[in-house]
Amino acid sequence: MAEMREGRMVIDEAGHEIYYRLFGEGPETLMCLAGGPGGNTQYLTRLGELANGDVQVLIHDQLGTGKSDRPDDPRLWNFPRFVEEVETVRSKLNLGKVHLYGQSWGGMLCLQYALDHPEGLKSLIPSNIGASTAEMVREMWQHRLELPAEVLRTLAKYEGRQDFENPEMLAASLQYYARFVRRATPFDLETSIKEFIELVVPVFADLGPAYQAMWGPFEFICTGSLLEWDITDRLHEIETPTLILTGWYDECGLETHRVMAERIPDNEYVIFGNSSHCVILEKEADAYLGVIGNFIQRVVART
């Protein structure tokens, strides 16, 4: 992996600072946005492997996450502020037009950024996300119906009581996560749960306050402000070359990604047949990185 530099940066008038890592050096920048909201960026570290003589890779902890400041101010956890944070980081580091990648919530953020700041983009890479929260939640509920009846009954019981920390609720939720969030290949439920606990739980054990405020108590339960987000009718406005990525078993669903493929004018849509929501942590991660690197290379060649 290319040499990594790290730093901190003030991103608003209140003096809040974010932490960032920059891999390699080059005239092109791949800027990477993590999931959550409130997710730690450590699971995106492999994206640093895409740094070469032409491309540098920037990964930053959004405000309230990882090594960035964690202010106790609920007013900060809103979509427009996070969009402007992306623009501030891009501008302050003098990155010019970037290739903007976002996974899960980061994908929502990069899509909204493309509408609000198209001048800052050279390409767009939304991964494991759709253009409407309500549609994604609908897909998640359809996936829930694939769970065994006793698991579904347990989830319903504790959701109804809002007892989200009950050990039975947490154990039942692992059945969902191991199928649709981070999936073992070849699939075996016991192995998949074990690998999810080993690989994913530590990364997301320290979610920032934005997760509860903007999303909710679980991946498949959205009660926060993001529930209202829907840019479906504006997708045709995104003129940036776009690479849409997902896994066949992604909790967000193939149809939500297909809507973007049908409406964004200049796009490529790639499905990883053995993967789910966190392709970068699954068996097809090497292929996933290769597709991203190849796309950036071809976009640069076109410009």
C-alpha atoms as a PDB file:
ATOM      1  CA  MET A   1       0.000   0.000   0.000  1.00  0.00           C
ATOM      2  CA  ALA A   2       1.167   3.543  -0.763  1.00  0.00           C
ATOM      3  CA  GLU A   3       2.619   5.737   1.969  1.00  0.00           C
ATOM      4  CA  MET A   4      -0.031   7.193   4.257  1.00  0.00           C
ATOM      5  CA  ARG A   5      -0.076  10.706   5.666  1.00  0.00           C
ATOM      6  CA  GLU A   6      -2.541  11.854   8.296  1.00  0.00           C
ATOM      7  CA  GLY A   7      -3.756  15.166   9.592  1.00  0.00           C
ATOM      8  CA  ARG A   8      -6.498  17.195  11.200  1.00  0.00           C
ATOM      9  CA  MET A   9      -8.504  20.092   9.829  1.00  0.00           C
ATOM     10  CA  VAL A  10     -10.926  22.686  11.197  1.00  0.00           C
ATOM     11  CA  ILE A  11     -14.172  22.360   9.248  1.00  0.00           C
ATOM     12  CA  ASP A  12     -16.500  24.996  10.684  1.00  0.00           C
ATOM     13  CA  GLU A  13     -16.682  28.334  12.493  1.00  0.00           C
ATOM     14  CA  ALA A  14     -17.094  26.567  15.836  1.00  0.00           C
ATOM     15  CA  GLY A  15     -13.579  25.168  15.417  1.00  0.00           C
ATOM     16  CA  HIS A  16     -14.563  21.505  15.166  1.00  0.00           C
ATOM     17  CA  GLU A  17     -11.836  19.333  13.666  1.00  0.00           C
ATOM     18  CA  ILE A  18     -11.941  16.209  11.531  1.00  0.00           C
ATOM     19  CA  TYR A  19      -9.209  13.594  11.098  1.00  0.00           C
ATOM     20  CA  TYR A  20      -8.112  12.399   7.655  1.00  0.00           C
ATOM     21  CA  ARG A  21      -5.741   9.937   6.002  1.00  0.00           C
ATOM     22  CA  LEU A  22      -4.192  10.531   2.585  1.00  0.00           C
ATOM     23  CA  PHE A  23      -2.644   7.585   0.730  1.00  0.00           C
ATOM     24  CA  GLY A  24      -0.067   8.218  -1.999  1.00  0.00           C
ATOM     25  CA  GLU A  25       0.288  11.264  -4.219  1.00  0.00           C
ATOM     26  CA  GLY A  26      -1.049  12.082  -7.656  1.00  0.00           C
ATOM     27  CA  PRO A  27      -3.010  14.568  -9.766  1.00  0.00           C
ATOM     28  CA  GLU A  28      -6.251  12.596  -9.303  1.00  0.00           C
ATOM     29  CA  THR A  29      -8.015  12.155  -5.943  1.00  0.00           C
ATOM     30  CA  LEU A  30     -10.379   9.401  -4.874  1.00  0.00           C
ATOM     31  CA  MET A  31     -12.295  10.848  -1.915  1.00  0.00           C
ATOM     32  CA  CYS A  32     -13.999   8.183   0.209  1.00  0.00           C
ATOM     33  CA  LEU A  33     -17.048   8.550   2.455  1.00  0.00           C
ATOM     34  CA  ALA A  34     -17.876   5.906   5.048  1.00  0.00           C
ATOM     35  CA  GLY A  35     -21.230   4.497   6.064  1.00  0.00           C
ATOM     36  CA  GLY A  36     -23.286   5.090   9.162  1.00  0.00           C
ATOM     37  CA  PRO A  37     -23.982   7.900   9.608  1.00  0.00           C
ATOM     38  CA  GLY A  38     -21.487   7.772  12.424  1.00  0.00           C
ATOM     39  CA  GLY A  39     -19.425   4.862  11.103  1.00  0.00           C
ATOM     40  CA  ASN A  40     -15.687   4.475  11.626  1.00  0.00           C
ATOM     41  CA  THR A  41     -13.601   4.609   8.423  1.00  0.00           C
ATOM     42  CA  GLN A  42     -11.288   1.732   9.332  1.00  0.00           C
ATOM     43  CA  TYR A  43     -13.300  -0.698   7.212  1.00  0.00           C
ATOM     44  CA  LEU A  44     -12.499   1.416   4.127  1.00  0.00           C
ATOM     45  CA  THR A  45      -8.719   1.215   4.593  1.00  0.00           C
ATOM     46  CA  ARG A  46      -8.291  -1.166   1.652  1.00  0.00           C
ATOM     47  CA  LEU A  47      -9.358   1.647  -0.669  1.00  0.00           C
ATOM     48  CA  GLY A  48      -5.892   3.043   0.019  1.00  0.00           C
ATOM     49  CA  GLU A  49      -4.574   0.223  -2.174  1.00  0.00           C
ATOM     50  CA  LEU A  50      -5.936   2.146  -5.184  1.00  0.00           C
ATOM     51  CA  ALA A  51      -3.345   4.881  -4.664  1.00  0.00           C
ATOM     52  CA  ASN A  52      -0.695   4.925  -7.381  1.00  0.00           C
ATOM     53  CA  GLY A  53       1.381   7.452  -9.264  1.00  0.00           C
ATOM     54  CA  ASP A  54      -1.738   8.974 -10.784  1.00  0.00           C
ATOM     55  CA  VAL A  55      -4.286   8.669  -7.961  1.00  0.00           C
ATOM     56  CA  GLN A  56      -4.175   9.610  -4.290  1.00  0.00           C
ATOM     57  CA  VAL A  57      -6.837   8.340  -1.878  1.00  0.00           C
ATOM     58  CA  LEU A  58      -8.392  10.462   0.854  1.00  0.00           C
ATOM     59  CA  ILE A  59     -10.402   8.915   3.701  1.00  0.00           C
ATOM     60  CA  HIS A  60     -11.706  11.156   6.474  1.00  0.00           C
ATOM     61  CA  ASP A  61     -13.621  10.507   9.682  1.00  0.00           C
ATOM     62  CA  GLN A  62     -16.783  12.565   9.453  1.00  0.00           C
ATOM     63  CA  LEU A  63     -17.521  14.866  12.378  1.00  0.00           C
ATOM     64  CA  GLY A  64     -18.709  12.822  15.344  1.00  0.00           C
ATOM     65  CA  THR A  65     -16.875   9.648  14.274  1.00  0.00           C
ATOM     66  CA  GLY A  66     -13.529   7.911  14.689  1.00  0.00           C
ATOM     67  CA  LYS A  67     -10.680  10.256  15.575  1.00  0.00           C
ATOM     68  CA  SER A  68     -12.594  13.405  14.605  1.00  0.00           C
ATOM     69  CA  ASP A  69     -14.155  15.678  17.218  1.00  0.00           C
ATOM     70  CA  ARG A  70     -17.365  14.465  18.827  1.00  0.00           C
ATOM     71  CA  PRO A  71     -19.299  17.563  19.870  1.00  0.00           C
ATOM     72  CA  ASP A  72     -22.411  17.181  21.995  1.00  0.00           C
ATOM     73  CA  ASP A  73     -24.712  19.208  19.773  1.00  0.00           C
ATOM     74  CA  PRO A  74     -27.716  17.475  18.145  1.00  0.00           C
ATOM     75  CA  ARG A  75     -28.094  20.362  15.701  1.00  0.00           C
ATOM     76  CA  LEU A  76     -24.995  19.159  13.860  1.00  0.00           C
ATOM     77  CA  TRP A  77     -26.464  15.827  12.789  1.00  0.00           C
ATOM     78  CA  ASN A  78     -28.254  16.844   9.609  1.00  0.00           C
ATOM     79  CA  PHE A  79     -27.777  16.136   5.916  1.00  0.00           C
ATOM     80  CA  PRO A  80     -26.896  19.664   4.668  1.00  0.00           C
ATOM     81  CA  ARG A  81     -24.097  20.057   7.222  1.00  0.00           C
ATOM     82  CA  PHE A  82     -22.511  16.746   6.192  1.00  0.00           C
ATOM     83  CA  VAL A  83     -22.669  17.767   2.511  1.00  0.00           C
ATOM     84  CA  GLU A  84     -20.909  21.029   3.311  1.00  0.00           C
ATOM     85  CA  GLU A  85     -18.323  19.121   5.342  1.00  0.00           C
ATOM     86  CA  VAL A  86     -17.393  17.181   2.199  1.00  0.00           C
ATOM     87  CA  GLU A  87     -17.051  20.427   0.253  1.00  0.00           C
ATOM     88  CA  THR A  88     -14.967  22.013   3.022  1.00  0.00           C
ATOM     89  CA  VAL A  89     -12.543  19.079   3.108  1.00  0.00           C
ATOM     90  CA  ARG A  90     -12.227  19.065  -0.694  1.00  0.00           C
ATOM     91  CA  SER A  91     -11.630  22.821  -0.834  1.00  0.00           C
ATOM     92  CA  LYS A  92      -9.258  23.127   2.124  1.00  0.00           C
ATOM     93  CA  LEU A  93      -7.021  20.344   0.830  1.00  0.00           C
ATOM     94  CA  ASN A  94      -7.061  21.907  -2.672  1.00  0.00           C
ATOM     95  CA  LEU A  95      -8.098  18.611  -4.238  1.00  0.00           C
ATOM     96  CA  GLY A  96      -9.734  20.076  -7.318  1.00  0.00           C
ATOM     97  CA  LYS A  97     -12.347  17.894  -8.985  1.00  0.00           C
ATOM     98  CA  VAL A  98     -12.478  14.531  -7.221  1.00  0.00           C
ATOM     99  CA  HIS A  99     -13.668  10.995  -7.833  1.00  0.00           C
ATOM    100  CA  LEU A 100     -16.180  10.711  -4.989  1.00  0.00           C
ATOM    101  CA  TYR A 101     -16.857   7.273  -3.512  1.00  0.00           C
ATOM    102  CA  GLY A 102     -19.439   6.615  -0.807  1.00  0.00           C
ATOM    103  CA  GLN A 103     -20.506   3.354   0.805  1.00  0.00           C
ATOM    104  CA  SER A 104     -23.981   3.002   2.373  1.00  0.00           C
ATOM    105  CA  TRP A 105     -24.723   6.351   4.108  1.00  0.00           C
ATOM    106  CA  GLY A 106     -21.579   7.639   2.398  1.00  0.00           C
ATOM    107  CA  GLY A 107     -23.286   6.799  -0.911  1.00  0.00           C
ATOM    108  CA  MET A 108     -26.313   8.880   0.040  1.00  0.00           C
ATOM    109  CA  LEU A 109     -23.935  11.698   0.891  1.00  0.00           C
ATOM    110  CA  CYS A 110     -22.062  11.501  -2.411  1.00  0.00           C
ATOM    111  CA  LEU A 111     -25.323  11.460  -4.402  1.00  0.00           C
ATOM    112  CA  GLN A 112     -26.575  14.560  -2.604  1.00  0.00           C
ATOM    113  CA  TYR A 113     -23.183  16.210  -3.055  1.00  0.00           C
ATOM    114  CA  ALA A 114     -23.418  15.539  -6.797  1.00  0.00           C
ATOM    115  CA  LEU A 115     -26.664  17.524  -6.892  1.00  0.00           C
ATOM    116  CA  ASP A 116     -25.449  20.356  -4.648  1.00  0.00           C
ATOM    117  CA  HIS A 117     -21.822  20.672  -5.854  1.00  0.00           C
ATOM    118  CA  PRO A 118     -21.450  19.147  -9.327  1.00  0.00           C
ATOM    119  CA  GLU A 119     -18.543  21.498  -9.962  1.00  0.00           C
ATOM    120  CA  GLY A 120     -16.433  19.513  -7.475  1.00  0.00           C
ATOM    121  CA  LEU A 121     -16.697  16.181  -9.237  1.00  0.00           C
ATOM    122  CA  LYS A 122     -14.889  14.227 -11.907  1.00  0.00           C
ATOM    123  CA  SER A 123     -16.742  10.971 -11.227  1.00  0.00           C
ATOM    124  CA  LEU A 124     -19.190   9.492  -8.742  1.00  0.00           C
ATOM    125  CA  ILE A 125     -19.139   6.025  -7.127  1.00  0.00           C
ATOM    126  CA  PRO A 126     -22.201   5.298  -4.943  1.00  0.00           C
ATOM    127  CA  SER A 127     -21.905   1.839  -3.398  1.00  0.00           C
ATOM    128  CA  ASN A 128     -24.604  -0.218  -1.659  1.00  0.00           C
ATOM    129  CA  ILE A 129     -27.231   2.496  -1.587  1.00  0.00           C
ATOM    130  CA  GLY A 130     -30.368   3.755  -3.289  1.00  0.00           C
ATOM    131  CA  ALA A 131     -31.850   7.173  -4.009  1.00  0.00           C
ATOM    132  CA  SER A 132     -34.784   6.878  -1.589  1.00  0.00           C
ATOM    133  CA  THR A 133     -34.621   5.875   2.076  1.00  0.00           C
ATOM    134  CA  ALA A 134     -38.230   4.676   2.062  1.00  0.00           C
ATOM    135  CA  GLU A 135     -37.512   2.389  -0.897  1.00  0.00           C
ATOM    136  CA  MET A 136     -34.389   1.015   0.775  1.00  0.00           C
ATOM    137  CA  VAL A 137     -36.303   0.334   3.991  1.00  0.00           C
ATOM    138  CA  ARG A 138     -38.970  -1.447   1.934  1.00  0.00           C
ATOM    139  CA  GLU A 139     -36.272  -3.702   0.477  1.00  0.00           C
ATOM    140  CA  MET A 140     -34.911  -4.351   3.974  1.00  0.00           C
ATOM    141  CA  TRP A 141     -38.362  -5.435   5.130  1.00  0.00           C
ATOM    142  CA  GLN A 142     -38.622  -7.787   2.174  1.00  0.00           C
ATOM    143  CA  HIS A 143     -35.303  -9.321   3.207  1.00  0.00           C
ATOM    144  CA  ARG A 144     -36.614  -9.710   6.730  1.00  0.00           C
ATOM    145  CA  LEU A 145     -39.418 -11.874   5.372  1.00  0.00           C
ATOM    146  CA  GLU A 146     -36.748 -14.333   4.205  1.00  0.00           C
ATOM    147  CA  LEU A 147     -35.726 -14.968   7.823  1.00  0.00           C
ATOM    148  CA  PRO A 148     -37.031 -18.013   9.709  1.00  0.00           C
ATOM    149  CA  ALA A 149     -40.438 -17.419  11.331  1.00  0.00           C
ATOM    150  CA  GLU A 150     -39.084 -17.683  14.869  1.00  0.00           C
ATOM    151  CA  VAL A 151     -36.425 -15.043  14.142  1.00  0.00           C
ATOM    152  CA  LEU A 152     -39.008 -12.722  12.614  1.00  0.00           C
ATOM    153  CA  ARG A 153     -41.257 -13.267  15.633  1.00  0.00           C
ATOM    154  CA  THR A 154     -38.432 -12.334  18.007  1.00  0.00           C
ATOM    155  CA  LEU A 155     -37.630  -9.165  16.076  1.00  0.00           C
ATOM    156  CA  ALA A 156     -41.278  -8.118  16.006  1.00  0.00           C
ATOM    157  CA  LYS A 157     -41.734  -8.777  19.727  1.00  0.00           C
ATOM    158  CA  TYR A 158     -38.854  -6.613  20.886  1.00  0.00           C
ATOM    159  CA  GLU A 159     -39.387  -3.902  18.299  1.00  0.00           C
ATOM    160  CA  GLY A 160     -42.940  -3.563  19.567  1.00  0.00           C
ATOM    161  CA  ARG A 161     -41.593  -3.115  23.082  1.00  0.00           C
ATOM    162  CA  GLN A 162     -38.753  -0.857  21.825  1.00  0.00           C
ATOM    163  CA  ASP A 163     -36.451  -3.126  23.803  1.00  0.00           C
ATOM    164  CA  PHE A 164     -33.597  -2.840  21.348  1.00  0.00           C
ATOM    165  CA  GLU A 165     -30.865  -3.924  23.770  1.00  0.00           C
ATOM    166  CA  ASN A 166     -32.511  -7.206  24.736  1.00  0.00           C
ATOM    167  CA  PRO A 167     -30.047 -10.085  24.183  1.00  0.00           C
ATOM    168  CA  GLU A 168     -32.676 -12.043  22.228  1.00  0.00           C
ATOM    169  CA  MET A 169     -33.239  -9.049  19.934  1.00  0.00           C
ATOM    170  CA  LEU A 170     -29.500  -8.658  19.372  1.00  0.00           C
ATOM    171  CA  ALA A 171     -29.065 -12.363  18.634  1.00  0.00           C
ATOM    172  CA  ALA A 172     -31.965 -12.337  16.169  1.00  0.00           C
ATOM    173  CA  SER A 173     -30.577  -9.273  14.401  1.00  0.00           C
ATOM    174  CA  LEU A 174     -27.350 -11.197  13.722  1.00  0.00           C
ATOM    175  CA  GLN A 175     -29.378 -13.564  11.543  1.00  0.00           C
ATOM    176  CA  TYR A 176     -30.238 -10.584   9.324  1.00  0.00           C
ATOM    177  CA  TYR A 177     -26.771  -9.015   9.370  1.00  0.00           C
ATOM    178  CA  ALA A 178     -25.050 -12.296   8.483  1.00  0.00           C
ATOM    179  CA  ARG A 179     -27.217 -12.662   5.376  1.00  0.00           C
ATOM    180  CA  PHE A 180     -27.585  -9.124   4.070  1.00  0.00           C
ATOM    181  CA  VAL A 181     -24.910  -6.857   5.598  1.00  0.00           C
ATOM    182  CA  ARG A 182     -21.695  -8.900   5.598  1.00  0.00           C
ATOM    183  CA  ARG A 183     -22.034 -12.375   4.116  1.00  0.00           C
ATOM    184  CA  ALA A 184     -19.640 -15.326   4.143  1.00  0.00           C
ATOM    185  CA  THR A 185     -18.920 -17.112   0.852  1.00  0.00           C
ATOM    186  CA  PRO A 186     -19.729 -19.935   0.412  1.00  0.00           C
ATOM    187  CA  PHE A 187     -22.672 -19.087   2.616  1.00  0.00           C
ATOM    188  CA  ASP A 188     -23.060 -20.906   5.891  1.00  0.00           C
ATOM    189  CA  LEU A 189     -25.101 -19.175   8.589  1.00  0.00           C
ATOM    190  CA  GLU A 190     -22.909 -20.147  11.531  1.00  0.00           C
ATOM    191  CA  THR A 191     -19.729 -19.132   9.701  1.00  0.00           C
ATOM    192  CA  SER A 192     -21.324 -15.927   8.472  1.00  0.00           C
ATOM    193  CA  ILE A 193     -22.402 -14.892  11.983  1.00  0.00           C
ATOM    194  CA  LYS A 194     -18.938 -15.706  13.343  1.00  0.00           C
ATOM    195  CA  GLU A 195     -17.204 -13.650  10.630  1.00  0.00           C
ATOM    196  CA  PHE A 196     -19.647 -10.765  11.066  1.00  0.00           C
ATOM    197  CA  ILE A 197     -18.849 -10.627  14.784  1.00  0.00           C
ATOM    198  CA  GLU A 198     -15.105 -10.787  14.102  1.00  0.00           C
ATOM    199  CA  LEU A 199     -14.889  -8.376  11.156  1.00  0.00           C
ATOM    200  CA  VAL A 200     -17.792  -5.951  11.371  1.00  0.00           C
ATOM    201  CA  VAL A 201     -18.859  -5.594  15.000  1.00  0.00           C
ATOM    202  CA  PRO A 202     -15.498  -4.064  16.107  1.00  0.00           C
ATOM    203  CA  VAL A 203     -15.639  -1.525  13.283  1.00  0.00           C
ATOM    204  CA  PHE A 204     -19.138  -0.354  14.158  1.00  0.00           C
ATOM    205  CA  ALA A 205     -18.951  -0.788  17.945  1.00  0.00           C
ATOM    206  CA  ASP A 206     -18.237   2.911  18.332  1.00  0.00           C
ATOM    207  CA  LEU A 207     -20.920   4.542  16.200  1.00  0.00           C
ATOM    208  CA  GLY A 208     -21.156   8.309  16.586  1.00  0.00           C
ATOM    209  CA  PRO A 209     -24.312  10.148  17.711  1.00  0.00           C
ATOM    210  CA  ALA A 210     -25.415  10.846  14.133  1.00  0.00           C
ATOM    211  CA  TYR A 211     -26.507   7.213  13.701  1.00  0.00           C
ATOM    212  CA  GLN A 212     -29.361   7.326  16.191  1.00  0.00           C
ATOM    213  CA  ALA A 213     -30.341  10.879  15.238  1.00  0.00           C
ATOM    214  CA  MET A 214     -30.375  10.336  11.484  1.00  0.00           C
ATOM    215  CA  TRP A 215     -30.998   6.599  11.065  1.00  0.00           C
ATOM    216  CA  GLY A 216     -32.208   4.633  14.081  1.00  0.00           C
ATOM    217  CA  PRO A 217     -31.553   1.698  16.452  1.00  0.00           C
ATOM    218  CA  PHE A 218     -30.774  -0.957  13.810  1.00  0.00           C
ATOM    219  CA  GLU A 219     -29.830  -1.198  10.139  1.00  0.00           C
ATOM    220  CA  PHE A 220     -33.328  -2.399   9.267  1.00  0.00           C
ATOM    221  CA  ILE A 221     -35.188   0.126  11.463  1.00  0.00           C
ATOM    222  CA  CYS A 222     -35.085   3.744  10.271  1.00  0.00           C
ATOM    223  CA  THR A 223     -36.709   6.251  12.629  1.00  0.00           C
ATOM    224  CA  GLY A 224     -34.415   9.241  12.078  1.00  0.00           C
ATOM    225  CA  SER A 225     -34.361  12.267   9.809  1.00  0.00           C
ATOM    226  CA  LEU A 226     -32.989  10.316   6.814  1.00  0.00           C
ATOM    227  CA  LEU A 227     -36.348   8.590   6.424  1.00  0.00           C
ATOM    228  CA  GLU A 228     -37.564  11.629   4.455  1.00  0.00           C
ATOM    229  CA  TRP A 229     -34.650  11.647   1.987  1.00  0.00           C
ATOM    230  CA  ASP A 230     -35.626  10.903  -1.627  1.00  0.00           C
ATOM    231  CA  ILE A 231     -33.822  12.226  -4.719  1.00  0.00           C
ATOM    232  CA  THR A 232     -35.329   9.749  -7.192  1.00  0.00           C
ATOM    233  CA  ASP A 233     -36.910  12.477  -9.296  1.00  0.00           C
ATOM    234  CA  ARG A 234     -33.608  14.378  -9.489  1.00  0.00           C
ATOM    235  CA  LEU A 235     -31.319  11.549 -10.598  1.00  0.00           C
ATOM    236  CA  HIS A 236     -31.480  12.737 -14.214  1.00  0.00           C
ATOM    237  CA  GLU A 237     -29.696  15.926 -13.088  1.00  0.00           C
ATOM    238  CA  ILE A 238     -26.510  13.983 -12.252  1.00  0.00           C
ATOM    239  CA  GLU A 239     -24.362  14.366 -15.357  1.00  0.00           C
ATOM    240  CA  THR A 240     -21.148  13.114 -13.731  1.00  0.00           C
ATOM    241  CA  PRO A 241     -19.856   9.707 -14.926  1.00  0.00           C
ATOM    242  CA  THR A 242     -21.190   7.309 -12.294  1.00  0.00           C
ATOM    243  CA  LEU A 243     -20.293   3.792 -11.173  1.00  0.00           C
ATOM    244  CA  ILE A 244     -23.102   2.076  -9.220  1.00  0.00           C
ATOM    245  CA  LEU A 245     -21.959  -0.866  -7.075  1.00  0.00           C
ATOM    246  CA  THR A 246     -23.869  -3.443  -5.055  1.00  0.00           C
ATOM    247  CA  GLY A 247     -23.918  -7.054  -3.920  1.00  0.00           C
ATOM    248  CA  TRP A 248     -26.586  -9.536  -5.007  1.00  0.00           C
ATOM    249  CA  TYR A 249     -27.652  -9.950  -1.362  1.00  0.00           C
ATOM    250  CA  ASP A 250     -27.345  -6.267  -0.403  1.00  0.00           C
ATOM    251  CA  GLU A 251     -29.867  -5.243   2.244  1.00  0.00           C
ATOM    252  CA  CYS A 252     -30.642  -2.126   0.186  1.00  0.00           C
ATOM    253  CA  GLY A 253     -31.887  -4.310  -2.678  1.00  0.00           C
ATOM    254  CA  LEU A 254     -31.087  -4.618  -6.378  1.00  0.00           C
ATOM    255  CA  GLU A 255     -34.143  -2.648  -7.461  1.00  0.00           C
ATOM    256  CA  THR A 256     -33.103   0.493  -5.578  1.00  0.00           C
ATOM    257  CA  HIS A 257     -29.792   0.395  -7.432  1.00  0.00           C
ATOM    258  CA  ARG A 258     -31.525  -0.344 -10.738  1.00  0.00           C
ATOM    259  CA  VAL A 259     -33.545   2.877 -10.379  1.00  0.00           C
ATOM    260  CA  MET A 260     -30.279   4.836 -10.347  1.00  0.00           C
ATOM    261  CA  ALA A 261     -28.989   2.880 -13.341  1.00  0.00           C
ATOM    262  CA  GLU A 262     -32.150   3.717 -15.279  1.00  0.00           C
ATOM    263  CA  ARG A 263     -32.145   7.433 -14.439  1.00  0.00           C
ATOM    264  CA  ILE A 264     -28.539   8.667 -14.165  1.00  0.00           C
ATOM    265  CA  PRO A 265     -27.576   9.453 -17.780  1.00  0.00           C
ATOM    266  CA  ASP A 266     -23.917   8.347 -17.751  1.00  0.00           C
ATOM    267  CA  ASN A 267     -23.527   5.277 -15.548  1.00  0.00           C
ATOM    268  CA  GLU A 268     -22.226   1.745 -15.215  1.00  0.00           C
ATOM    269  CA  TYR A 269     -23.957  -0.719 -12.880  1.00  0.00           C
ATOM    270  CA  VAL A 270     -21.991  -3.645 -11.410  1.00  0.00           C
ATOM    271  CA  ILE A 271     -23.451  -6.386  -9.189  1.00  0.00           C
ATOM    272  CA  PHE A 272     -21.155  -8.690  -7.194  1.00  0.00           C
ATOM    273  CA  GLY A 273     -22.970 -12.013  -7.169  1.00  0.00           C
ATOM    274  CA  ASN A 274     -21.548 -13.464  -3.942  1.00  0.00           C
ATOM    275  CA  SER A 275     -21.682 -10.313  -1.833  1.00  0.00           C
ATOM    276  CA  SER A 276     -24.087  -8.304   0.298  1.00  0.00           C
ATOM    277  CA  HIS A 277     -23.899  -4.785   1.784  1.00  0.00           C
ATOM    278  CA  CYS A 278     -20.205  -4.620   2.698  1.00  0.00           C
ATOM    279  CA  VAL A 279     -18.551  -5.923  -0.464  1.00  0.00           C
ATOM    280  CA  ILE A 280     -15.247  -4.357   0.594  1.00  0.00           C
ATOM    281  CA  LEU A 281     -15.174  -6.748   3.579  1.00  0.00           C
ATOM    282  CA  GLU A 282     -16.335  -9.827   1.660  1.00  0.00           C
ATOM    283  CA  LYS A 283     -14.795 -12.445  -0.605  1.00  0.00           C
ATOM    284  CA  GLU A 284     -15.144 -10.318  -3.745  1.00  0.00           C
ATOM    285  CA  ALA A 285     -13.273  -7.351  -2.255  1.00  0.00           C
ATOM    286  CA  ASP A 286     -10.342  -7.706  -4.686  1.00  0.00           C
ATOM    287  CA  ALA A 287     -12.681  -7.654  -7.682  1.00  0.00           C
ATOM    288  CA  TYR A 288     -14.550  -4.704  -6.141  1.00  0.00           C
ATOM    289  CA  LEU A 289     -11.347  -2.673  -5.803  1.00  0.00           C
ATOM    290  CA  GLY A 290     -10.338  -3.634  -9.323  1.00  0.00           C
ATOM    291  CA  VAL A 291     -13.623  -2.384 -10.780  1.00  0.00           C
ATOM    292  CA  ILE A 292     -13.264   0.954  -8.975  1.00  0.00           C
ATOM    293  CA  GLY A 293      -9.662   1.416 -10.066  1.00  0.00           C
ATOM    294  CA  ASN A 294     -10.468   0.541 -13.680  1.00  0.00           C
ATOM    295  CA  PHE A 295     -13.425   2.945 -13.735  1.00  0.00           C
ATOM    296  CA  ILE A 296     -11.334   5.851 -12.473  1.00  0.00           C
ATOM    297  CA  GLN A 297      -8.643   5.065 -15.028  1.00  0.00           C
ATOM    298  CA  ARG A 298     -11.172   5.130 -17.862  1.00  0.00           C
ATOM    299  CA  VAL A 299     -12.817   8.340 -16.674  1.00  0.00           C
ATOM    300  CA  VAL A 300      -9.430  10.061 -16.554  1.00  0.00           C
ATOM    301  CA  ALA A 301      -8.656   8.839 -20.067  1.00  0.00           C
ATOM    302  CA  ARG A 302     -11.910  10.397 -21.303  1.00  0.00           C
ATOM    303  CA  THR A 303     -11.162  13.855 -19.873  1.00  0.00           C
END
